[in-house]
mmCIF file of all heavy atoms, coordinates in Angstrom:
data_MODEL
# 
_entry.id   MODEL 
# 
loop_
_atom_site.group_PDB 
_atom_site.id 
_atom_site.type_symbol 
_atom_site.label_atom_id 
_atom_site.label_alt_id 
_atom_site.label_comp_id 
_atom_site.label_asym_id 
_atom_site.label_entity_id 
_atom_site.label_seq_id 
_atom_site.pdbx_PDB_ins_code 
_atom_site.Cartn_x 
_atom_site.Cartn_y 
_atom_site.Cartn_z 
_atom_site.occupancy 
_atom_site.B_iso_or_equiv 
_atom_site.pdbx_formal_charge 
_atom_site.auth_seq_id 
_atom_site.auth_comp_id 
_atom_site.auth_asym_id 
_atom_site.auth_atom_id 
_atom_site.pdbx_PDB_model_num 
ATOM 1   N N   . GLY A 1 1  ? 39.769 -35.420 -6.261  1.00 0.00 ? 1  GLY A N   1 
ATOM 2   C CA  . GLY A 1 1  ? 40.476 -34.514 -7.148  1.00 0.00 ? 1  GLY A CA  1 
ATOM 3   C C   . GLY A 1 1  ? 41.955 -34.928 -7.289  1.00 0.00 ? 1  GLY A C   1 
ATOM 4   O O   . GLY A 1 1  ? 42.494 -34.915 -8.425  1.00 0.00 ? 1  GLY A O   1 
ATOM 5   N N   . GLN A 1 2  ? 42.617 -35.224 -6.147  1.00 0.00 ? 2  GLN A N   1 
ATOM 6   C CA  . GLN A 1 2  ? 44.009 -35.608 -6.201  1.00 0.00 ? 2  GLN A CA  1 
ATOM 7   C C   . GLN A 1 2  ? 44.152 -36.910 -6.986  1.00 0.00 ? 2  GLN A C   1 
ATOM 8   O O   . GLN A 1 2  ? 45.126 -37.087 -7.774  1.00 0.00 ? 2  GLN A O   1 
ATOM 9   C CB  . GLN A 1 2  ? 44.557 -35.782 -4.793  1.00 0.00 ? 2  GLN A CB  1 
ATOM 10  C CG  . GLN A 1 2  ? 44.710 -34.489 -4.009  1.00 0.00 ? 2  GLN A CG  1 
ATOM 11  C CD  . GLN A 1 2  ? 45.755 -33.592 -4.596  1.00 0.00 ? 2  GLN A CD  1 
ATOM 12  O OE1 . GLN A 1 2  ? 46.527 -33.957 -5.493  1.00 0.00 ? 2  GLN A OE1 1 
ATOM 13  N NE2 . GLN A 1 2  ? 45.805 -32.322 -4.150  1.00 0.00 ? 2  GLN A NE2 1 
ATOM 14  N N   . ILE A 1 3  ? 43.228 -37.853 -6.827  1.00 0.00 ? 3  ILE A N   1 
ATOM 15  C CA  . ILE A 1 3  ? 43.365 -39.134 -7.550  1.00 0.00 ? 3  ILE A CA  1 
ATOM 16  C C   . ILE A 1 3  ? 43.180 -38.920 -9.082  1.00 0.00 ? 3  ILE A C   1 
ATOM 17  O O   . ILE A 1 3  ? 43.881 -39.511 -9.857  1.00 0.00 ? 3  ILE A O   1 
ATOM 18  C CB  . ILE A 1 3  ? 42.291 -40.141 -7.007  1.00 0.00 ? 3  ILE A CB  1 
ATOM 19  C CG1 . ILE A 1 3  ? 42.635 -40.539 -5.586  1.00 0.00 ? 3  ILE A CG1 1 
ATOM 20  C CG2 . ILE A 1 3  ? 42.206 -41.374 -7.923  1.00 0.00 ? 3  ILE A CG2 1 
ATOM 21  C CD1 . ILE A 1 3  ? 41.615 -41.397 -4.884  1.00 0.00 ? 3  ILE A CD1 1 
ATOM 22  N N   . ARG A 1 4  ? 42.282 -38.041 -9.460  1.00 0.00 ? 4  ARG A N   1 
ATOM 23  C CA  . ARG A 1 4  ? 42.072 -37.745 -10.854 1.00 0.00 ? 4  ARG A CA  1 
ATOM 24  C C   . ARG A 1 4  ? 43.316 -37.172 -11.458 1.00 0.00 ? 4  ARG A C   1 
ATOM 25  O O   . ARG A 1 4  ? 43.707 -37.438 -12.572 1.00 0.00 ? 4  ARG A O   1 
ATOM 26  C CB  . ARG A 1 4  ? 40.857 -36.861 -11.046 1.00 0.00 ? 4  ARG A CB  1 
ATOM 27  C CG  . ARG A 1 4  ? 39.547 -37.523 -10.917 1.00 0.00 ? 4  ARG A CG  1 
ATOM 28  C CD  . ARG A 1 4  ? 38.459 -36.676 -11.521 1.00 0.00 ? 4  ARG A CD  1 
ATOM 29  N NE  . ARG A 1 4  ? 38.343 -35.365 -10.858 1.00 0.00 ? 4  ARG A NE  1 
ATOM 30  C CZ  . ARG A 1 4  ? 37.603 -35.147 -9.779  1.00 0.00 ? 4  ARG A CZ  1 
ATOM 31  N NH1 . ARG A 1 4  ? 36.931 -36.121 -9.221  1.00 0.00 ? 4  ARG A NH1 1 
ATOM 32  N NH2 . ARG A 1 4  ? 37.566 -33.953 -9.239  1.00 0.00 ? 4  ARG A NH2 1 
ATOM 33  N N   . VAL A 1 5  ? 43.927 -36.150 -10.734 1.00 0.00 ? 5  VAL A N   1 
ATOM 34  C CA  . VAL A 1 5  ? 45.137 -35.494 -11.227 1.00 0.00 ? 5  VAL A CA  1 
ATOM 35  C C   . VAL A 1 5  ? 46.254 -36.506 -11.423 1.00 0.00 ? 5  VAL A C   1 
ATOM 36  O O   . VAL A 1 5  ? 46.932 -36.523 -12.473 1.00 0.00 ? 5  VAL A O   1 
ATOM 37  C CB  . VAL A 1 5  ? 45.566 -34.391 -10.269 1.00 0.00 ? 5  VAL A CB  1 
ATOM 38  C CG1 . VAL A 1 5  ? 46.929 -33.873 -10.642 1.00 0.00 ? 5  VAL A CG1 1 
ATOM 39  C CG2 . VAL A 1 5  ? 44.577 -33.246 -10.302 1.00 0.00 ? 5  VAL A CG2 1 
ATOM 40  N N   . ALA A 1 6  ? 46.439 -37.373 -10.443 1.00 0.00 ? 6  ALA A N   1 
ATOM 41  C CA  . ALA A 1 6  ? 47.495 -38.385 -10.570 1.00 0.00 ? 6  ALA A CA  1 
ATOM 42  C C   . ALA A 1 6  ? 47.239 -39.324 -11.752 1.00 0.00 ? 6  ALA A C   1 
ATOM 43  O O   . ALA A 1 6  ? 48.179 -39.690 -12.483 1.00 0.00 ? 6  ALA A O   1 
ATOM 44  C CB  . ALA A 1 6  ? 47.589 -39.212 -9.229  1.00 0.00 ? 6  ALA A CB  1 
ATOM 45  N N   . ALA A 1 7  ? 45.967 -39.748 -11.944 1.00 0.00 ? 7  ALA A N   1 
ATOM 46  C CA  . ALA A 1 7  ? 45.606 -40.637 -13.024 1.00 0.00 ? 7  ALA A CA  1 
ATOM 47  C C   . ALA A 1 7  ? 45.851 -39.997 -14.365 1.00 0.00 ? 7  ALA A C   1 
ATOM 48  O O   . ALA A 1 7  ? 46.333 -40.615 -15.286 1.00 0.00 ? 7  ALA A O   1 
ATOM 49  C CB  . ALA A 1 7  ? 44.170 -41.116 -12.902 1.00 0.00 ? 7  ALA A CB  1 
ATOM 50  N N   . GLN A 1 8  ? 45.586 -38.725 -14.473 1.00 0.00 ? 8  GLN A N   1 
ATOM 51  C CA  . GLN A 1 8  ? 45.787 -38.017 -15.743 1.00 0.00 ? 8  GLN A CA  1 
ATOM 52  C C   . GLN A 1 8  ? 47.277 -37.866 -16.074 1.00 0.00 ? 8  GLN A C   1 
ATOM 53  O O   . GLN A 1 8  ? 47.655 -38.020 -17.204 1.00 0.00 ? 8  GLN A O   1 
ATOM 54  C CB  . GLN A 1 8  ? 45.120 -36.633 -15.686 1.00 0.00 ? 8  GLN A CB  1 
ATOM 55  C CG  . GLN A 1 8  ? 43.605 -36.679 -15.682 1.00 0.00 ? 8  GLN A CG  1 
ATOM 56  C CD  . GLN A 1 8  ? 42.963 -35.329 -15.476 1.00 0.00 ? 8  GLN A CD  1 
ATOM 57  O OE1 . GLN A 1 8  ? 43.678 -34.336 -15.339 1.00 0.00 ? 8  GLN A OE1 1 
ATOM 58  N NE2 . GLN A 1 8  ? 41.666 -35.264 -15.479 1.00 0.00 ? 8  GLN A NE2 1 
ATOM 59  N N   . ILE A 1 9  ? 48.070 -37.563 -15.036 1.00 0.00 ? 9  ILE A N   1 
ATOM 60  C CA  . ILE A 1 9  ? 49.521 -37.333 -15.297 1.00 0.00 ? 9  ILE A CA  1 
ATOM 61  C C   . ILE A 1 9  ? 50.175 -38.669 -15.548 1.00 0.00 ? 9  ILE A C   1 
ATOM 62  O O   . ILE A 1 9  ? 51.007 -38.828 -16.478 1.00 0.00 ? 9  ILE A O   1 
ATOM 63  C CB  . ILE A 1 9  ? 50.167 -36.595 -14.134 1.00 0.00 ? 9  ILE A CB  1 
ATOM 64  C CG1 . ILE A 1 9  ? 49.586 -35.195 -14.020 1.00 0.00 ? 9  ILE A CG1 1 
ATOM 65  C CG2 . ILE A 1 9  ? 51.673 -36.569 -14.229 1.00 0.00 ? 9  ILE A CG2 1 
ATOM 66  C CD1 . ILE A 1 9  ? 50.069 -34.386 -12.840 1.00 0.00 ? 9  ILE A CD1 1 
ATOM 67  N N   . LEU A 1 10 ? 49.854 -39.675 -14.749 1.00 0.00 ? 10 LEU A N   1 
ATOM 68  C CA  . LEU A 1 10 ? 50.556 -40.961 -14.848 1.00 0.00 ? 10 LEU A CA  1 
ATOM 69  C C   . LEU A 1 10 ? 49.889 -41.900 -15.873 1.00 0.00 ? 10 LEU A C   1 
ATOM 70  O O   . LEU A 1 10 ? 50.312 -43.033 -16.068 1.00 0.00 ? 10 LEU A O   1 
ATOM 71  C CB  . LEU A 1 10 ? 50.542 -41.648 -13.490 1.00 0.00 ? 10 LEU A CB  1 
ATOM 72  C CG  . LEU A 1 10 ? 51.313 -40.911 -12.350 1.00 0.00 ? 10 LEU A CG  1 
ATOM 73  C CD1 . LEU A 1 10 ? 51.182 -41.603 -11.056 1.00 0.00 ? 10 LEU A CD1 1 
ATOM 74  C CD2 . LEU A 1 10 ? 52.791 -40.693 -12.741 1.00 0.00 ? 10 LEU A CD2 1 
ATOM 75  N N   . LYS A 1 11 ? 48.848 -41.412 -16.552 1.00 0.00 ? 11 LYS A N   1 
ATOM 76  C CA  . LYS A 1 11 ? 48.138 -42.194 -17.564 1.00 0.00 ? 11 LYS A CA  1 
ATOM 77  C C   . LYS A 1 11 ? 47.532 -43.452 -16.929 1.00 0.00 ? 11 LYS A C   1 
ATOM 78  O O   . LYS A 1 11 ? 46.873 -43.433 -15.961 1.00 0.00 ? 11 LYS A O   1 
ATOM 79  C CB  . LYS A 1 11 ? 48.999 -42.505 -18.758 1.00 0.00 ? 11 LYS A CB  1 
ATOM 80  C CG  . LYS A 1 11 ? 49.662 -41.241 -19.358 1.00 0.00 ? 11 LYS A CG  1 
ATOM 81  C CD  . LYS A 1 11 ? 48.746 -40.400 -20.094 1.00 0.00 ? 11 LYS A CD  1 
ATOM 82  C CE  . LYS A 1 11 ? 49.442 -39.244 -20.707 1.00 0.00 ? 11 LYS A CE  1 
ATOM 83  N NZ  . LYS A 1 11 ? 48.504 -38.294 -21.247 1.00 0.00 ? 11 LYS A NZ  1 
ATOM 84  N N   . ASP A 1 12 ? 47.861 -44.570 -17.537 1.00 0.00 ? 12 ASP A N   1 
ATOM 85  C CA  . ASP A 1 12 ? 47.289 -45.860 -17.109 1.00 0.00 ? 12 ASP A CA  1 
ATOM 86  C C   . ASP A 1 12 ? 48.159 -46.567 -16.068 1.00 0.00 ? 12 ASP A C   1 
ATOM 87  O O   . ASP A 1 12 ? 47.862 -47.717 -15.751 1.00 0.00 ? 12 ASP A O   1 
ATOM 88  C CB  . ASP A 1 12 ? 47.086 -46.779 -18.346 1.00 0.00 ? 12 ASP A CB  1 
ATOM 89  C CG  . ASP A 1 12 ? 46.068 -46.187 -19.350 1.00 0.00 ? 12 ASP A CG  1 
ATOM 90  O OD1 . ASP A 1 12 ? 45.197 -45.439 -18.887 1.00 0.00 ? 12 ASP A OD1 1 
ATOM 91  O OD2 . ASP A 1 12 ? 46.239 -46.438 -20.517 1.00 0.00 ? 12 ASP A OD2 1 
ATOM 92  N N   . GLU A 1 13 ? 49.181 -45.911 -15.567 1.00 0.00 ? 13 GLU A N   1 
ATOM 93  C CA  . GLU A 1 13 ? 50.099 -46.570 -14.648 1.00 0.00 ? 13 GLU A CA  1 
ATOM 94  C C   . GLU A 1 13 ? 49.393 -46.786 -13.296 1.00 0.00 ? 13 GLU A C   1 
ATOM 95  O O   . GLU A 1 13 ? 48.748 -45.942 -12.769 1.00 0.00 ? 13 GLU A O   1 
ATOM 96  C CB  . GLU A 1 13 ? 51.333 -45.714 -14.435 1.00 0.00 ? 13 GLU A CB  1 
ATOM 97  C CG  . GLU A 1 13 ? 52.338 -46.344 -13.464 1.00 0.00 ? 13 GLU A CG  1 
ATOM 98  C CD  . GLU A 1 13 ? 53.588 -45.531 -13.333 1.00 0.00 ? 13 GLU A CD  1 
ATOM 99  O OE1 . GLU A 1 13 ? 53.759 -44.546 -14.102 1.00 0.00 ? 13 GLU A OE1 1 
ATOM 100 O OE2 . GLU A 1 13 ? 54.380 -45.851 -12.473 1.00 0.00 ? 13 GLU A OE2 1 
ATOM 101 N N   . GLN A 1 14 ? 49.486 -48.002 -12.753 1.00 0.00 ? 14 GLN A N   1 
ATOM 102 C CA  . GLN A 1 14 ? 48.964 -48.366 -11.462 1.00 0.00 ? 14 GLN A CA  1 
ATOM 103 C C   . GLN A 1 14 ? 50.006 -48.050 -10.413 1.00 0.00 ? 14 GLN A C   1 
ATOM 104 O O   . GLN A 1 14 ? 51.055 -48.635 -10.380 1.00 0.00 ? 14 GLN A O   1 
ATOM 105 C CB  . GLN A 1 14 ? 48.649 -49.852 -11.443 1.00 0.00 ? 14 GLN A CB  1 
ATOM 106 C CG  . GLN A 1 14 ? 47.542 -50.271 -12.412 1.00 0.00 ? 14 GLN A CG  1 
ATOM 107 C CD  . GLN A 1 14 ? 46.203 -49.659 -12.117 1.00 0.00 ? 14 GLN A CD  1 
ATOM 108 O OE1 . GLN A 1 14 ? 45.844 -49.475 -10.961 1.00 0.00 ? 14 GLN A OE1 1 
ATOM 109 N NE2 . GLN A 1 14 ? 45.440 -49.289 -13.180 1.00 0.00 ? 14 GLN A NE2 1 
ATOM 110 N N   . PHE A 1 15 ? 49.709 -47.030 -9.632  1.00 0.00 ? 15 PHE A N   1 
ATOM 111 C CA  . PHE A 1 15 ? 50.649 -46.590 -8.616  1.00 0.00 ? 15 PHE A CA  1 
ATOM 112 C C   . PHE A 1 15 ? 50.385 -47.037 -7.211  1.00 0.00 ? 15 PHE A C   1 
ATOM 113 O O   . PHE A 1 15 ? 51.041 -46.631 -6.276  1.00 0.00 ? 15 PHE A O   1 
ATOM 114 C CB  . PHE A 1 15 ? 50.841 -45.057 -8.642  1.00 0.00 ? 15 PHE A CB  1 
ATOM 115 C CG  . PHE A 1 15 ? 49.505 -44.300 -8.486  1.00 0.00 ? 15 PHE A CG  1 
ATOM 116 C CD1 . PHE A 1 15 ? 49.106 -43.919 -7.233  1.00 0.00 ? 15 PHE A CD1 1 
ATOM 117 C CD2 . PHE A 1 15 ? 48.711 -44.024 -9.568  1.00 0.00 ? 15 PHE A CD2 1 
ATOM 118 C CE1 . PHE A 1 15 ? 47.923 -43.210 -7.089  1.00 0.00 ? 15 PHE A CE1 1 
ATOM 119 C CE2 . PHE A 1 15 ? 47.524 -43.350 -9.390  1.00 0.00 ? 15 PHE A CE2 1 
ATOM 120 C CZ  . PHE A 1 15 ? 47.141 -42.918 -8.162  1.00 0.00 ? 15 PHE A CZ  1 
ATOM 121 N N   . GLY A 1 16 ? 49.365 -47.851 -7.050  1.00 0.00 ? 16 GLY A N   1 
ATOM 122 C CA  . GLY A 1 16 ? 49.040 -48.334 -5.681  1.00 0.00 ? 16 GLY A CA  1 
ATOM 123 C C   . GLY A 1 16 ? 50.150 -49.183 -5.074  1.00 0.00 ? 16 GLY A C   1 
ATOM 124 O O   . GLY A 1 16 ? 50.411 -49.199 -3.881  1.00 0.00 ? 16 GLY A O   1 
ATOM 125 N N   . GLY A 1 17 ? 50.869 -49.893 -5.967  1.00 0.00 ? 17 GLY A N   1 
ATOM 126 C CA  . GLY A 1 17 ? 51.935 -50.757 -5.461  1.00 0.00 ? 17 GLY A CA  1 
ATOM 127 C C   . GLY A 1 17 ? 53.167 -49.963 -4.948  1.00 0.00 ? 17 GLY A C   1 
ATOM 128 O O   . GLY A 1 17 ? 54.053 -50.561 -4.349  1.00 0.00 ? 17 GLY A O   1 
ATOM 129 N N   . ALA A 1 18 ? 53.218 -48.715 -5.208  1.00 0.00 ? 18 ALA A N   1 
ATOM 130 C CA  . ALA A 1 18 ? 54.375 -47.922 -4.748  1.00 0.00 ? 18 ALA A CA  1 
ATOM 131 C C   . ALA A 1 18 ? 54.366 -47.708 -3.224  1.00 0.00 ? 18 ALA A C   1 
ATOM 132 O O   . ALA A 1 18 ? 55.358 -47.355 -2.639  1.00 0.00 ? 18 ALA A O   1 
ATOM 133 C CB  . ALA A 1 18 ? 54.398 -46.574 -5.454  1.00 0.00 ? 18 ALA A CB  1 
ATOM 134 N N   . ASP A 1 19 ? 53.245 -47.950 -2.580  1.00 0.00 ? 19 ASP A N   1 
ATOM 135 C CA  . ASP A 1 19 ? 53.097 -47.782 -1.119  1.00 0.00 ? 19 ASP A CA  1 
ATOM 136 C C   . ASP A 1 19 ? 52.046 -48.714 -0.593  1.00 0.00 ? 19 ASP A C   1 
ATOM 137 O O   . ASP A 1 19 ? 50.882 -48.676 -1.001  1.00 0.00 ? 19 ASP A O   1 
ATOM 138 C CB  . ASP A 1 19 ? 52.716 -46.302 -0.815  1.00 0.00 ? 19 ASP A CB  1 
ATOM 139 C CG  . ASP A 1 19 ? 52.663 -46.021 0.704   1.00 0.00 ? 19 ASP A CG  1 
ATOM 140 O OD1 . ASP A 1 19 ? 53.689 -46.301 1.327   1.00 0.00 ? 19 ASP A OD1 1 
ATOM 141 O OD2 . ASP A 1 19 ? 51.626 -45.590 1.157   1.00 0.00 ? 19 ASP A OD2 1 
ATOM 142 N N   . GLU A 1 20 ? 52.446 -49.608 0.378   1.00 0.00 ? 20 GLU A N   1 
ATOM 143 C CA  . GLU A 1 20 ? 51.532 -50.575 0.869   1.00 0.00 ? 20 GLU A CA  1 
ATOM 144 C C   . GLU A 1 20 ? 50.367 -49.897 1.652   1.00 0.00 ? 20 GLU A C   1 
ATOM 145 O O   . GLU A 1 20 ? 49.252 -50.378 1.627   1.00 0.00 ? 20 GLU A O   1 
ATOM 146 C CB  . GLU A 1 20 ? 52.257 -51.536 1.777   1.00 0.00 ? 20 GLU A CB  1 
ATOM 147 C CG  . GLU A 1 20 ? 53.279 -52.413 1.048   1.00 0.00 ? 20 GLU A CG  1 
ATOM 148 C CD  . GLU A 1 20 ? 53.967 -53.389 2.020   1.00 0.00 ? 20 GLU A CD  1 
ATOM 149 O OE1 . GLU A 1 20 ? 53.685 -53.349 3.203   1.00 0.00 ? 20 GLU A OE1 1 
ATOM 150 O OE2 . GLU A 1 20 ? 54.796 -54.189 1.554   1.00 0.00 ? 20 GLU A OE2 1 
ATOM 151 N N   . GLU A 1 21 ? 50.695 -48.808 2.362   1.00 0.00 ? 21 GLU A N   1 
ATOM 152 C CA  . GLU A 1 21 ? 49.629 -48.125 3.091   1.00 0.00 ? 21 GLU A CA  1 
ATOM 153 C C   . GLU A 1 21 ? 48.597 -47.577 2.159   1.00 0.00 ? 21 GLU A C   1 
ATOM 154 O O   . GLU A 1 21 ? 47.372 -47.606 2.464   1.00 0.00 ? 21 GLU A O   1 
ATOM 155 C CB  . GLU A 1 21 ? 50.279 -46.964 3.917   1.00 0.00 ? 21 GLU A CB  1 
ATOM 156 C CG  . GLU A 1 21 ? 51.078 -47.453 5.096   1.00 0.00 ? 21 GLU A CG  1 
ATOM 157 C CD  . GLU A 1 21 ? 51.593 -46.317 5.906   1.00 0.00 ? 21 GLU A CD  1 
ATOM 158 O OE1 . GLU A 1 21 ? 52.636 -45.701 5.533   1.00 0.00 ? 21 GLU A OE1 1 
ATOM 159 O OE2 . GLU A 1 21 ? 50.986 -46.001 6.905   1.00 0.00 ? 21 GLU A OE2 1 
ATOM 160 N N   . TYR A 1 22 ? 49.040 -47.029 1.042   1.00 0.00 ? 22 TYR A N   1 
ATOM 161 C CA  . TYR A 1 22 ? 48.064 -46.507 0.051   1.00 0.00 ? 22 TYR A CA  1 
ATOM 162 C C   . TYR A 1 22 ? 47.231 -47.613 -0.519  1.00 0.00 ? 22 TYR A C   1 
ATOM 163 O O   . TYR A 1 22 ? 46.018 -47.517 -0.697  1.00 0.00 ? 22 TYR A O   1 
ATOM 164 C CB  . TYR A 1 22 ? 48.784 -45.749 -1.041  1.00 0.00 ? 22 TYR A CB  1 
ATOM 165 C CG  . TYR A 1 22 ? 47.748 -45.209 -2.106  1.00 0.00 ? 22 TYR A CG  1 
ATOM 166 C CD1 . TYR A 1 22 ? 46.939 -44.177 -1.821  1.00 0.00 ? 22 TYR A CD1 1 
ATOM 167 C CD2 . TYR A 1 22 ? 47.684 -45.875 -3.297  1.00 0.00 ? 22 TYR A CD2 1 
ATOM 168 C CE1 . TYR A 1 22 ? 46.039 -43.737 -2.755  1.00 0.00 ? 22 TYR A CE1 1 
ATOM 169 C CE2 . TYR A 1 22 ? 46.749 -45.421 -4.252  1.00 0.00 ? 22 TYR A CE2 1 
ATOM 170 C CZ  . TYR A 1 22 ? 45.948 -44.367 -3.983  1.00 0.00 ? 22 TYR A CZ  1 
ATOM 171 O OH  . TYR A 1 22 ? 45.018 -43.896 -4.920  1.00 0.00 ? 22 TYR A OH  1 
ATOM 172 N N   . ALA A 1 23 ? 47.844 -48.788 -0.743  1.00 0.00 ? 23 ALA A N   1 
ATOM 173 C CA  . ALA A 1 23 ? 47.118 -49.962 -1.278  1.00 0.00 ? 23 ALA A CA  1 
ATOM 174 C C   . ALA A 1 23 ? 46.002 -50.362 -0.320  1.00 0.00 ? 23 ALA A C   1 
ATOM 175 O O   . ALA A 1 23 ? 44.850 -50.654 -0.704  1.00 0.00 ? 23 ALA A O   1 
ATOM 176 C CB  . ALA A 1 23 ? 48.043 -51.103 -1.589  1.00 0.00 ? 23 ALA A CB  1 
ATOM 177 N N   . ALA A 1 24 ? 46.403 -50.362 0.994   1.00 0.00 ? 24 ALA A N   1 
ATOM 178 C CA  . ALA A 1 24 ? 45.397 -50.737 2.051   1.00 0.00 ? 24 ALA A CA  1 
ATOM 179 C C   . ALA A 1 24 ? 44.283 -49.696 2.068   1.00 0.00 ? 24 ALA A C   1 
ATOM 180 O O   . ALA A 1 24 ? 43.098 -50.037 2.295   1.00 0.00 ? 24 ALA A O   1 
ATOM 181 C CB  . ALA A 1 24 ? 46.081 -50.919 3.357   1.00 0.00 ? 24 ALA A CB  1 
ATOM 182 N N   . TYR A 1 25 ? 44.684 -48.426 1.921   1.00 0.00 ? 25 TYR A N   1 
ATOM 183 C CA  . TYR A 1 25 ? 43.701 -47.353 1.930   1.00 0.00 ? 25 TYR A CA  1 
ATOM 184 C C   . TYR A 1 25 ? 42.710 -47.488 0.776   1.00 0.00 ? 25 TYR A C   1 
ATOM 185 O O   . TYR A 1 25 ? 41.509 -47.259 0.923   1.00 0.00 ? 25 TYR A O   1 
ATOM 186 C CB  . TYR A 1 25 ? 44.449 -45.992 1.918   1.00 0.00 ? 25 TYR A CB  1 
ATOM 187 C CG  . TYR A 1 25 ? 43.500 -44.807 1.722   1.00 0.00 ? 25 TYR A CG  1 
ATOM 188 C CD1 . TYR A 1 25 ? 42.622 -44.455 2.717   1.00 0.00 ? 25 TYR A CD1 1 
ATOM 189 C CD2 . TYR A 1 25 ? 43.541 -44.044 0.588   1.00 0.00 ? 25 TYR A CD2 1 
ATOM 190 C CE1 . TYR A 1 25 ? 41.792 -43.328 2.561   1.00 0.00 ? 25 TYR A CE1 1 
ATOM 191 C CE2 . TYR A 1 25 ? 42.697 -42.968 0.381   1.00 0.00 ? 25 TYR A CE2 1 
ATOM 192 C CZ  . TYR A 1 25 ? 41.830 -42.587 1.415   1.00 0.00 ? 25 TYR A CZ  1 
ATOM 193 O OH  . TYR A 1 25 ? 41.025 -41.522 1.226   1.00 0.00 ? 25 TYR A OH  1 
ATOM 194 N N   . GLU A 1 26 ? 43.252 -47.844 -0.411  1.00 0.00 ? 26 GLU A N   1 
ATOM 195 C CA  . GLU A 1 26 ? 42.378 -48.034 -1.558  1.00 0.00 ? 26 GLU A CA  1 
ATOM 196 C C   . GLU A 1 26 ? 41.410 -49.170 -1.315  1.00 0.00 ? 26 GLU A C   1 
ATOM 197 O O   . GLU A 1 26 ? 40.244 -49.139 -1.710  1.00 0.00 ? 26 GLU A O   1 
ATOM 198 C CB  . GLU A 1 26 ? 43.226 -48.291 -2.816  1.00 0.00 ? 26 GLU A CB  1 
ATOM 199 C CG  . GLU A 1 26 ? 43.755 -47.028 -3.473  1.00 0.00 ? 26 GLU A CG  1 
ATOM 200 C CD  . GLU A 1 26 ? 42.597 -46.170 -4.009  1.00 0.00 ? 26 GLU A CD  1 
ATOM 201 O OE1 . GLU A 1 26 ? 41.664 -46.719 -4.622  1.00 0.00 ? 26 GLU A OE1 1 
ATOM 202 O OE2 . GLU A 1 26 ? 42.633 -44.955 -3.740  1.00 0.00 ? 26 GLU A OE2 1 
ATOM 203 N N   . ARG A 1 27 ? 41.856 -50.205 -0.639  1.00 0.00 ? 27 ARG A N   1 
ATOM 204 C CA  . ARG A 1 27 ? 40.947 -51.327 -0.350  1.00 0.00 ? 27 ARG A CA  1 
ATOM 205 C C   . ARG A 1 27 ? 39.882 -50.876 0.606   1.00 0.00 ? 27 ARG A C   1 
ATOM 206 O O   . ARG A 1 27 ? 38.699 -51.225 0.465   1.00 0.00 ? 27 ARG A O   1 
ATOM 207 C CB  . ARG A 1 27 ? 41.741 -52.486 0.250   1.00 0.00 ? 27 ARG A CB  1 
ATOM 208 C CG  . ARG A 1 27 ? 42.639 -53.220 -0.756  1.00 0.00 ? 27 ARG A CG  1 
ATOM 209 C CD  . ARG A 1 27 ? 43.111 -54.555 -0.181  1.00 0.00 ? 27 ARG A CD  1 
ATOM 210 N NE  . ARG A 1 27 ? 44.041 -54.354 0.943   1.00 0.00 ? 27 ARG A NE  1 
ATOM 211 C CZ  . ARG A 1 27 ? 45.340 -54.188 0.863   1.00 0.00 ? 27 ARG A CZ  1 
ATOM 212 N NH1 . ARG A 1 27 ? 45.925 -54.218 -0.334  1.00 0.00 ? 27 ARG A NH1 1 
ATOM 213 N NH2 . ARG A 1 27 ? 46.047 -54.040 1.941   1.00 0.00 ? 27 ARG A NH2 1 
# 
């Protein structure tokens, strides 16, 4: 749910690069 909300607000912006820990979590 949180990921969907962020994607809707930020549109097509890739925000994984804003935090290395989050990028690792996505992997």
